[in-house]
mmCIF file of all heavy atoms, coordinates in Angstrom:
data_MODEL
# 
_entry.id   MODEL 
# 
loop_
_atom_site.group_PDB 
_atom_site.id 
_atom_site.type_symbol 
_atom_site.label_atom_id 
_atom_site.label_alt_id 
_atom_site.label_comp_id 
_atom_site.label_asym_id 
_atom_site.label_entity_id 
_atom_site.label_seq_id 
_atom_site.pdbx_PDB_ins_code 
_atom_site.Cartn_x 
_atom_site.Cartn_y 
_atom_site.Cartn_z 
_atom_site.occupancy 
_atom_site.B_iso_or_equiv 
_atom_site.pdbx_formal_charge 
_atom_site.auth_seq_id 
_atom_site.auth_comp_id 
_atom_site.auth_asym_id 
_atom_site.auth_atom_id 
_atom_site.pdbx_PDB_model_num 
ATOM 1   N N   . THR A 1 1  ? 109.362 91.199  106.114 1.00 0.00 ? 1  THR A N   1 
ATOM 2   C CA  . THR A 1 1  ? 109.819 91.291  104.749 1.00 0.00 ? 1  THR A CA  1 
ATOM 3   C C   . THR A 1 1  ? 108.713 91.076  103.756 1.00 0.00 ? 1  THR A C   1 
ATOM 4   O O   . THR A 1 1  ? 108.878 90.635  102.615 1.00 0.00 ? 1  THR A O   1 
ATOM 5   C CB  . THR A 1 1  ? 110.953 90.195  104.386 1.00 0.00 ? 1  THR A CB  1 
ATOM 6   O OG1 . THR A 1 1  ? 110.407 88.876  104.624 1.00 0.00 ? 1  THR A OG1 1 
ATOM 7   C CG2 . THR A 1 1  ? 112.121 90.383  105.379 1.00 0.00 ? 1  THR A CG2 1 
ATOM 8   N N   . ALA A 1 2  ? 107.480 91.500  104.145 1.00 0.00 ? 2  ALA A N   1 
ATOM 9   C CA  . ALA A 1 2  ? 106.284 91.296  103.272 1.00 0.00 ? 2  ALA A CA  1 
ATOM 10  C C   . ALA A 1 2  ? 106.496 91.886  101.882 1.00 0.00 ? 2  ALA A C   1 
ATOM 11  O O   . ALA A 1 2  ? 106.069 91.241  100.908 1.00 0.00 ? 2  ALA A O   1 
ATOM 12  C CB  . ALA A 1 2  ? 105.077 91.858  103.944 1.00 0.00 ? 2  ALA A CB  1 
ATOM 13  N N   . PHE A 1 3  ? 107.097 93.103  101.804 1.00 0.00 ? 3  PHE A N   1 
ATOM 14  C CA  . PHE A 1 3  ? 107.295 93.730  100.511 1.00 0.00 ? 3  PHE A CA  1 
ATOM 15  C C   . PHE A 1 3  ? 108.751 94.081  100.257 1.00 0.00 ? 3  PHE A C   1 
ATOM 16  O O   . PHE A 1 3  ? 109.099 94.968  99.485  1.00 0.00 ? 3  PHE A O   1 
ATOM 17  C CB  . PHE A 1 3  ? 106.416 95.077  100.423 1.00 0.00 ? 3  PHE A CB  1 
ATOM 18  C CG  . PHE A 1 3  ? 104.921 94.783  100.532 1.00 0.00 ? 3  PHE A CG  1 
ATOM 19  C CD1 . PHE A 1 3  ? 104.312 94.885  101.727 1.00 0.00 ? 3  PHE A CD1 1 
ATOM 20  C CD2 . PHE A 1 3  ? 104.168 94.428  99.415  1.00 0.00 ? 3  PHE A CD2 1 
ATOM 21  C CE1 . PHE A 1 3  ? 102.903 94.599  101.838 1.00 0.00 ? 3  PHE A CE1 1 
ATOM 22  C CE2 . PHE A 1 3  ? 102.852 94.202  99.520  1.00 0.00 ? 3  PHE A CE2 1 
ATOM 23  C CZ  . PHE A 1 3  ? 102.175 94.276  100.706 1.00 0.00 ? 3  PHE A CZ  1 
ATOM 24  N N   . SER A 1 4  ? 109.590 93.413  100.960 1.00 0.00 ? 4  SER A N   1 
ATOM 25  C CA  . SER A 1 4  ? 111.017 93.670  100.790 1.00 0.00 ? 4  SER A CA  1 
ATOM 26  C C   . SER A 1 4  ? 111.488 93.438  99.418  1.00 0.00 ? 4  SER A C   1 
ATOM 27  O O   . SER A 1 4  ? 111.126 92.466  98.724  1.00 0.00 ? 4  SER A O   1 
ATOM 28  C CB  . SER A 1 4  ? 111.820 92.753  101.697 1.00 0.00 ? 4  SER A CB  1 
ATOM 29  O OG  . SER A 1 4  ? 113.220 92.869  101.525 1.00 0.00 ? 4  SER A OG  1 
ATOM 30  N N   . GLY A 1 5  ? 112.264 94.411  98.865  1.00 0.00 ? 5  GLY A N   1 
ATOM 31  C CA  . GLY A 1 5  ? 112.800 94.238  97.560  1.00 0.00 ? 5  GLY A CA  1 
ATOM 32  C C   . GLY A 1 5  ? 111.803 94.603  96.407  1.00 0.00 ? 5  GLY A C   1 
ATOM 33  O O   . GLY A 1 5  ? 112.093 94.356  95.224  1.00 0.00 ? 5  GLY A O   1 
ATOM 34  N N   . CYS A 1 6  ? 110.652 95.232  96.821  1.00 0.00 ? 6  CYS A N   1 
ATOM 35  C CA  . CYS A 1 6  ? 109.726 95.672  95.790  1.00 0.00 ? 6  CYS A CA  1 
ATOM 36  C C   . CYS A 1 6  ? 110.225 97.053  95.309  1.00 0.00 ? 6  CYS A C   1 
ATOM 37  O O   . CYS A 1 6  ? 109.734 98.124  95.660  1.00 0.00 ? 6  CYS A O   1 
ATOM 38  C CB  . CYS A 1 6  ? 108.333 95.761  96.330  1.00 0.00 ? 6  CYS A CB  1 
ATOM 39  S SG  . CYS A 1 6  ? 107.616 94.190  96.747  1.00 0.00 ? 6  CYS A SG  1 
ATOM 40  N N   . SER A 1 7  ? 111.235 96.988  94.447  1.00 0.00 ? 7  SER A N   1 
ATOM 41  C CA  . SER A 1 7  ? 111.975 98.220  94.053  1.00 0.00 ? 7  SER A CA  1 
ATOM 42  C C   . SER A 1 7  ? 111.189 99.178  93.139  1.00 0.00 ? 7  SER A C   1 
ATOM 43  O O   . SER A 1 7  ? 111.568 100.384 92.998  1.00 0.00 ? 7  SER A O   1 
ATOM 44  C CB  . SER A 1 7  ? 113.321 97.813  93.397  1.00 0.00 ? 7  SER A CB  1 
ATOM 45  O OG  . SER A 1 7  ? 113.054 96.985  92.279  1.00 0.00 ? 7  SER A OG  1 
ATOM 46  N N   . GLY A 1 8  ? 110.102 98.680  92.553  1.00 0.00 ? 8  GLY A N   1 
ATOM 47  C CA  . GLY A 1 8  ? 109.224 99.534  91.669  1.00 0.00 ? 8  GLY A CA  1 
ATOM 48  C C   . GLY A 1 8  ? 108.148 100.239 92.465  1.00 0.00 ? 8  GLY A C   1 
ATOM 49  O O   . GLY A 1 8  ? 107.438 101.019 91.865  1.00 0.00 ? 8  GLY A O   1 
ATOM 50  N N   . LEU A 1 9  ? 107.960 99.929  93.713  1.00 0.00 ? 9  LEU A N   1 
ATOM 51  C CA  . LEU A 1 9  ? 106.835 100.472 94.500  1.00 0.00 ? 9  LEU A CA  1 
ATOM 52  C C   . LEU A 1 9  ? 107.180 101.954 94.849  1.00 0.00 ? 9  LEU A C   1 
ATOM 53  O O   . LEU A 1 9  ? 108.145 102.208 95.512  1.00 0.00 ? 9  LEU A O   1 
ATOM 54  C CB  . LEU A 1 9  ? 106.692 99.608  95.773  1.00 0.00 ? 9  LEU A CB  1 
ATOM 55  C CG  . LEU A 1 9  ? 105.313 99.703  96.512  1.00 0.00 ? 9  LEU A CG  1 
ATOM 56  C CD1 . LEU A 1 9  ? 104.216 99.241  95.595  1.00 0.00 ? 9  LEU A CD1 1 
ATOM 57  C CD2 . LEU A 1 9  ? 105.429 98.858  97.712  1.00 0.00 ? 9  LEU A CD2 1 
ATOM 58  N N   . THR A 1 10 ? 106.312 102.906 94.391  1.00 0.00 ? 10 THR A N   1 
ATOM 59  C CA  . THR A 1 10 ? 106.559 104.287 94.618  1.00 0.00 ? 10 THR A CA  1 
ATOM 60  C C   . THR A 1 10 ? 105.803 104.819 95.812  1.00 0.00 ? 10 THR A C   1 
ATOM 61  O O   . THR A 1 10 ? 106.230 105.813 96.479  1.00 0.00 ? 10 THR A O   1 
ATOM 62  C CB  . THR A 1 10 ? 106.205 105.124 93.335  1.00 0.00 ? 10 THR A CB  1 
ATOM 63  O OG1 . THR A 1 10 ? 104.836 104.918 93.036  1.00 0.00 ? 10 THR A OG1 1 
ATOM 64  C CG2 . THR A 1 10 ? 107.100 104.716 92.210  1.00 0.00 ? 10 THR A CG2 1 
ATOM 65  N N   . SER A 1 11 ? 104.654 104.285 96.057  1.00 0.00 ? 11 SER A N   1 
ATOM 66  C CA  . SER A 1 11 ? 103.809 104.765 97.175  1.00 0.00 ? 11 SER A CA  1 
ATOM 67  C C   . SER A 1 11 ? 102.976 103.646 97.778  1.00 0.00 ? 11 SER A C   1 
ATOM 68  O O   . SER A 1 11 ? 102.663 102.653 97.065  1.00 0.00 ? 11 SER A O   1 
ATOM 69  C CB  . SER A 1 11 ? 102.901 105.881 96.761  1.00 0.00 ? 11 SER A CB  1 
ATOM 70  O OG  . SER A 1 11 ? 101.976 105.486 95.810  1.00 0.00 ? 11 SER A OG  1 
ATOM 71  N N   . ILE A 1 12 ? 102.645 103.747 98.986  1.00 0.00 ? 12 ILE A N   1 
ATOM 72  C CA  . ILE A 1 12 ? 101.820 102.778 99.654  1.00 0.00 ? 12 ILE A CA  1 
ATOM 73  C C   . ILE A 1 12 ? 100.988 103.445 100.696 1.00 0.00 ? 12 ILE A C   1 
ATOM 74  O O   . ILE A 1 12 ? 101.423 104.370 101.449 1.00 0.00 ? 12 ILE A O   1 
ATOM 75  C CB  . ILE A 1 12 ? 102.666 101.604 100.219 1.00 0.00 ? 12 ILE A CB  1 
ATOM 76  C CG1 . ILE A 1 12 ? 101.785 100.493 100.661 1.00 0.00 ? 12 ILE A CG1 1 
ATOM 77  C CG2 . ILE A 1 12 ? 103.559 102.115 101.340 1.00 0.00 ? 12 ILE A CG2 1 
ATOM 78  C CD1 . ILE A 1 12 ? 102.525 99.150  100.862 1.00 0.00 ? 12 ILE A CD1 1 
ATOM 79  N N   . THR A 1 13 ? 99.752  103.053 100.827 1.00 0.00 ? 13 THR A N   1 
ATOM 80  C CA  . THR A 1 13 ? 98.845  103.527 101.881 1.00 0.00 ? 13 THR A CA  1 
ATOM 81  C C   . THR A 1 13 ? 98.666  102.442 102.887 1.00 0.00 ? 13 THR A C   1 
ATOM 82  O O   . THR A 1 13 ? 98.075  101.345 102.528 1.00 0.00 ? 13 THR A O   1 
ATOM 83  C CB  . THR A 1 13 ? 97.533  103.961 101.255 1.00 0.00 ? 13 THR A CB  1 
ATOM 84  O OG1 . THR A 1 13 ? 97.754  104.994 100.388 1.00 0.00 ? 13 THR A OG1 1 
ATOM 85  C CG2 . THR A 1 13 ? 96.611  104.517 102.423 1.00 0.00 ? 13 THR A CG2 1 
ATOM 86  N N   . ILE A 1 14 ? 98.972  102.696 104.095 1.00 0.00 ? 14 ILE A N   1 
ATOM 87  C CA  . ILE A 1 14 ? 98.822  101.673 105.184 1.00 0.00 ? 14 ILE A CA  1 
ATOM 88  C C   . ILE A 1 14 ? 97.506  102.065 105.882 1.00 0.00 ? 14 ILE A C   1 
ATOM 89  O O   . ILE A 1 14 ? 97.364  103.179 106.403 1.00 0.00 ? 14 ILE A O   1 
ATOM 90  C CB  . ILE A 1 14 ? 99.985  101.690 106.165 1.00 0.00 ? 14 ILE A CB  1 
ATOM 91  C CG1 . ILE A 1 14 ? 101.315 101.345 105.404 1.00 0.00 ? 14 ILE A CG1 1 
ATOM 92  C CG2 . ILE A 1 14 ? 99.769  100.747 107.264 1.00 0.00 ? 14 ILE A CG2 1 
ATOM 93  C CD1 . ILE A 1 14 ? 102.537 101.459 106.249 1.00 0.00 ? 14 ILE A CD1 1 
ATOM 94  N N   . PRO A 1 15 ? 96.514  101.184 105.855 1.00 0.00 ? 15 PRO A N   1 
ATOM 95  C CA  . PRO A 1 15 ? 95.200  101.516 106.418 1.00 0.00 ? 15 PRO A CA  1 
ATOM 96  C C   . PRO A 1 15 ? 95.227  101.613 108.028 1.00 0.00 ? 15 PRO A C   1 
ATOM 97  O O   . PRO A 1 15 ? 96.111  101.115 108.634 1.00 0.00 ? 15 PRO A O   1 
ATOM 98  C CB  . PRO A 1 15 ? 94.293  100.393 105.947 1.00 0.00 ? 15 PRO A CB  1 
ATOM 99  C CG  . PRO A 1 15 ? 95.200  99.294  105.788 1.00 0.00 ? 15 PRO A CG  1 
ATOM 100 C CD  . PRO A 1 15 ? 96.512  99.838  105.288 1.00 0.00 ? 15 PRO A CD  1 
ATOM 101 N N   . ASN A 1 16 ? 94.140  102.238 108.500 1.00 0.00 ? 16 ASN A N   1 
ATOM 102 C CA  . ASN A 1 16 ? 94.037  102.402 110.037 1.00 0.00 ? 16 ASN A CA  1 
ATOM 103 C C   . ASN A 1 16 ? 93.886  101.087 110.764 1.00 0.00 ? 16 ASN A C   1 
ATOM 104 O O   . ASN A 1 16 ? 94.009  101.070 112.029 1.00 0.00 ? 16 ASN A O   1 
ATOM 105 C CB  . ASN A 1 16 ? 92.872  103.330 110.335 1.00 0.00 ? 16 ASN A CB  1 
ATOM 106 C CG  . ASN A 1 16 ? 93.140  104.748 109.981 1.00 0.00 ? 16 ASN A CG  1 
ATOM 107 O OD1 . ASN A 1 16 ? 94.254  105.231 110.250 1.00 0.00 ? 16 ASN A OD1 1 
ATOM 108 N ND2 . ASN A 1 16 ? 92.205  105.456 109.443 1.00 0.00 ? 16 ASN A ND2 1 
ATOM 109 N N   . SER A 1 17 ? 93.588  100.013 110.085 1.00 0.00 ? 17 SER A N   1 
ATOM 110 C CA  . SER A 1 17 ? 93.417  98.732  110.742 1.00 0.00 ? 17 SER A CA  1 
ATOM 111 C C   . SER A 1 17 ? 94.732  98.071  111.129 1.00 0.00 ? 17 SER A C   1 
ATOM 112 O O   . SER A 1 17 ? 94.725  97.193  112.066 1.00 0.00 ? 17 SER A O   1 
ATOM 113 C CB  . SER A 1 17 ? 92.652  97.794  109.736 1.00 0.00 ? 17 SER A CB  1 
ATOM 114 O OG  . SER A 1 17 ? 93.327  97.619  108.571 1.00 0.00 ? 17 SER A OG  1 
ATOM 115 N N   . VAL A 1 18 ? 95.850  98.404  110.559 1.00 0.00 ? 18 VAL A N   1 
ATOM 116 C CA  . VAL A 1 18 ? 97.129  97.865  110.755 1.00 0.00 ? 18 VAL A CA  1 
ATOM 117 C C   . VAL A 1 18 ? 97.657  98.154  112.164 1.00 0.00 ? 18 VAL A C   1 
ATOM 118 O O   . VAL A 1 18 ? 97.747  99.385  112.469 1.00 0.00 ? 18 VAL A O   1 
ATOM 119 C CB  . VAL A 1 18 ? 98.128  98.105  109.687 1.00 0.00 ? 18 VAL A CB  1 
ATOM 120 C CG1 . VAL A 1 18 ? 99.583  97.628  110.008 1.00 0.00 ? 18 VAL A CG1 1 
ATOM 121 C CG2 . VAL A 1 18 ? 97.748  97.595  108.313 1.00 0.00 ? 18 VAL A CG2 1 
ATOM 122 N N   . THR A 1 19 ? 98.030  97.240  112.921 1.00 0.00 ? 19 THR A N   1 
ATOM 123 C CA  . THR A 1 19 ? 98.571  97.439  114.233 1.00 0.00 ? 19 THR A CA  1 
ATOM 124 C C   . THR A 1 19 ? 100.068 97.200  114.337 1.00 0.00 ? 19 THR A C   1 
ATOM 125 O O   . THR A 1 19 ? 100.803 97.706  115.226 1.00 0.00 ? 19 THR A O   1 
ATOM 126 C CB  . THR A 1 19 ? 97.867  96.548  115.308 1.00 0.00 ? 19 THR A CB  1 
ATOM 127 O OG1 . THR A 1 19 ? 98.000  95.215  114.984 1.00 0.00 ? 19 THR A OG1 1 
ATOM 128 C CG2 . THR A 1 19 ? 96.368  96.941  115.448 1.00 0.00 ? 19 THR A CG2 1 
ATOM 129 N N   . SER A 1 20 ? 100.608 96.378  113.421 1.00 0.00 ? 20 SER A N   1 
ATOM 130 C CA  . SER A 1 20 ? 102.075 96.137  113.472 1.00 0.00 ? 20 SER A CA  1 
ATOM 131 C C   . SER A 1 20 ? 102.610 96.038  112.040 1.00 0.00 ? 20 SER A C   1 
ATOM 132 O O   . SER A 1 20 ? 102.024 95.466  111.129 1.00 0.00 ? 20 SER A O   1 
ATOM 133 C CB  . SER A 1 20 ? 102.375 94.871  114.282 1.00 0.00 ? 20 SER A CB  1 
ATOM 134 O OG  . SER A 1 20 ? 101.813 93.693  113.590 1.00 0.00 ? 20 SER A OG  1 
ATOM 135 N N   . ILE A 1 21 ? 103.845 96.499  111.897 1.00 0.00 ? 21 ILE A N   1 
ATOM 136 C CA  . ILE A 1 21 ? 104.594 96.426  110.631 1.00 0.00 ? 21 ILE A CA  1 
ATOM 137 C C   . ILE A 1 21 ? 105.853 95.615  110.971 1.00 0.00 ? 21 ILE A C   1 
ATOM 138 O O   . ILE A 1 21 ? 106.684 95.906  111.854 1.00 0.00 ? 21 ILE A O   1 
ATOM 139 C CB  . ILE A 1 21 ? 104.949 97.808  110.069 1.00 0.00 ? 21 ILE A CB  1 
ATOM 140 C CG1 . ILE A 1 21 ? 103.708 98.599  109.820 1.00 0.00 ? 21 ILE A CG1 1 
ATOM 141 C CG2 . ILE A 1 21 ? 105.822 97.702  108.855 1.00 0.00 ? 21 ILE A CG2 1 
ATOM 142 C CD1 . ILE A 1 21 ? 104.022 100.068 109.487 1.00 0.00 ? 21 ILE A CD1 1 
ATOM 143 N N   . GLY A 1 22 ? 106.011 94.463  110.302 1.00 0.00 ? 22 GLY A N   1 
ATOM 144 C CA  . GLY A 1 22 ? 107.041 93.481  110.584 1.00 0.00 ? 22 GLY A CA  1 
ATOM 145 C C   . GLY A 1 22 ? 108.456 93.957  110.237 1.00 0.00 ? 22 GLY A C   1 
ATOM 146 O O   . GLY A 1 22 ? 108.684 94.992  109.590 1.00 0.00 ? 22 GLY A O   1 
ATOM 147 N N   . ASN A 1 23 ? 109.369 93.190  110.695 1.00 0.00 ? 23 ASN A N   1 
ATOM 148 C CA  . ASN A 1 23 ? 110.840 93.440  110.382 1.00 0.00 ? 23 ASN A CA  1 
ATOM 149 C C   . ASN A 1 23 ? 111.053 93.469  108.953 1.00 0.00 ? 23 ASN A C   1 
ATOM 150 O O   . ASN A 1 23 ? 110.612 92.574  108.187 1.00 0.00 ? 23 ASN A O   1 
ATOM 151 C CB  . ASN A 1 23 ? 111.631 92.333  111.093 1.00 0.00 ? 23 ASN A CB  1 
ATOM 152 C CG  . ASN A 1 23 ? 111.496 92.194  112.500 1.00 0.00 ? 23 ASN A CG  1 
ATOM 153 O OD1 . ASN A 1 23 ? 111.149 93.164  113.185 1.00 0.00 ? 23 ASN A OD1 1 
ATOM 154 N ND2 . ASN A 1 23 ? 111.682 90.955  113.032 1.00 0.00 ? 23 ASN A ND2 1 
ATOM 155 N N   . SER A 1 24 ? 111.783 94.475  108.437 1.00 0.00 ? 24 SER A N   1 
ATOM 156 C CA  . SER A 1 24 ? 112.205 94.578  107.056 1.00 0.00 ? 24 SER A CA  1 
ATOM 157 C C   . SER A 1 24 ? 110.995 94.564  106.082 1.00 0.00 ? 24 SER A C   1 
ATOM 158 O O   . SER A 1 24 ? 111.105 94.206  104.936 1.00 0.00 ? 24 SER A O   1 
ATOM 159 C CB  . SER A 1 24 ? 113.210 93.504  106.696 1.00 0.00 ? 24 SER A CB  1 
ATOM 160 O OG  . SER A 1 24 ? 114.329 93.572  107.439 1.00 0.00 ? 24 SER A OG  1 
ATOM 161 N N   . ALA A 1 25 ? 109.834 94.936  106.613 1.00 0.00 ? 25 ALA A N   1 
ATOM 162 C CA  . ALA A 1 25 ? 108.606 94.806  105.779 1.00 0.00 ? 25 ALA A CA  1 
ATOM 163 C C   . ALA A 1 25 ? 108.714 95.529  104.425 1.00 0.00 ? 25 ALA A C   1 
ATOM 164 O O   . ALA A 1 25 ? 108.189 95.040  103.424 1.00 0.00 ? 25 ALA A O   1 
ATOM 165 C CB  . ALA A 1 25 ? 107.424 95.375  106.576 1.00 0.00 ? 25 ALA A CB  1 
ATOM 166 N N   . PHE A 1 26 ? 109.364 96.719  104.445 1.00 0.00 ? 26 PHE A N   1 
ATOM 167 C CA  . PHE A 1 26 ? 109.393 97.520  103.186 1.00 0.00 ? 26 PHE A CA  1 
ATOM 168 C C   . PHE A 1 26 ? 110.948 97.777  102.854 1.00 0.00 ? 26 PHE A C   1 
ATOM 169 O O   . PHE A 1 26 ? 111.243 98.728  102.154 1.00 0.00 ? 26 PHE A O   1 
ATOM 170 C CB  . PHE A 1 26 ? 108.664 98.808  103.266 1.00 0.00 ? 26 PHE A CB  1 
ATOM 171 C CG  . PHE A 1 26 ? 107.221 98.626  103.481 1.00 0.00 ? 26 PHE A CG  1 
ATOM 172 C CD1 . PHE A 1 26 ? 106.646 98.659  104.738 1.00 0.00 ? 26 PHE A CD1 1 
ATOM 173 C CD2 . PHE A 1 26 ? 106.411 98.447  102.368 1.00 0.00 ? 26 PHE A CD2 1 
ATOM 174 C CE1 . PHE A 1 26 ? 105.320 98.435  104.961 1.00 0.00 ? 26 PHE A CE1 1 
ATOM 175 C CE2 . PHE A 1 26 ? 105.034 98.204  102.575 1.00 0.00 ? 26 PHE A CE2 1 
ATOM 176 C CZ  . PHE A 1 26 ? 104.511 98.200  103.838 1.00 0.00 ? 26 PHE A CZ  1 
ATOM 177 N N   . SER A 1 27 ? 111.804 96.958  103.336 1.00 0.00 ? 27 SER A N   1 
ATOM 178 C CA  . SER A 1 27 ? 113.287 97.158  103.140 1.00 0.00 ? 27 SER A CA  1 
ATOM 179 C C   . SER A 1 27 ? 113.611 97.084  101.623 1.00 0.00 ? 27 SER A C   1 
ATOM 180 O O   . SER A 1 27 ? 112.973 96.284  100.922 1.00 0.00 ? 27 SER A O   1 
ATOM 181 C CB  . SER A 1 27 ? 114.101 96.147  103.898 1.00 0.00 ? 27 SER A CB  1 
ATOM 182 O OG  . SER A 1 27 ? 113.836 94.875  103.487 1.00 0.00 ? 27 SER A OG  1 
ATOM 183 N N   . TYR A 1 28 ? 114.462 97.948  101.214 1.00 0.00 ? 28 TYR A N   1 
ATOM 184 C CA  . TYR A 1 28 ? 114.923 98.019  99.808  1.00 0.00 ? 28 TYR A CA  1 
ATOM 185 C C   . TYR A 1 28 ? 113.791 98.253  98.800  1.00 0.00 ? 28 TYR A C   1 
ATOM 186 O O   . TYR A 1 28 ? 113.904 97.831  97.633  1.00 0.00 ? 28 TYR A O   1 
ATOM 187 C CB  . TYR A 1 28 ? 115.732 96.694  99.499  1.00 0.00 ? 28 TYR A CB  1 
ATOM 188 C CG  . TYR A 1 28 ? 116.970 96.626  100.269 1.00 0.00 ? 28 TYR A CG  1 
ATOM 189 C CD1 . TYR A 1 28 ? 116.944 95.798  101.365 1.00 0.00 ? 28 TYR A CD1 1 
ATOM 190 C CD2 . TYR A 1 28 ? 118.093 97.379  100.048 1.00 0.00 ? 28 TYR A CD2 1 
ATOM 191 C CE1 . TYR A 1 28 ? 118.096 95.692  102.195 1.00 0.00 ? 28 TYR A CE1 1 
ATOM 192 C CE2 . TYR A 1 28 ? 119.228 97.307  100.833 1.00 0.00 ? 28 TYR A CE2 1 
ATOM 193 C CZ  . TYR A 1 28 ? 119.214 96.472  101.950 1.00 0.00 ? 28 TYR A CZ  1 
ATOM 194 O OH  . TYR A 1 28 ? 120.363 96.363  102.727 1.00 0.00 ? 28 TYR A OH  1 
ATOM 195 N N   . CYS A 1 29 ? 112.763 98.977  99.197  1.00 0.00 ? 29 CYS A N   1 
ATOM 196 C CA  . CYS A 1 29 ? 111.807 99.526  98.323  1.00 0.00 ? 29 CYS A CA  1 
ATOM 197 C C   . CYS A 1 29 ? 112.342 100.830 97.842  1.00 0.00 ? 29 CYS A C   1 
ATOM 198 O O   . CYS A 1 29 ? 112.025 101.946 98.301  1.00 0.00 ? 29 CYS A O   1 
ATOM 199 C CB  . CYS A 1 29 ? 110.425 99.657  98.944  1.00 0.00 ? 29 CYS A CB  1 
ATOM 200 S SG  . CYS A 1 29 ? 109.593 98.136  99.306  1.00 0.00 ? 29 CYS A SG  1 
# 
């Protein structure tokens, strides 16, 4: 849920270093 509910977020770039994306990380964006 790192960015959960960030309803104004239109785009995001996930870099090549990231190995895991958590539960509900971007839910309700």
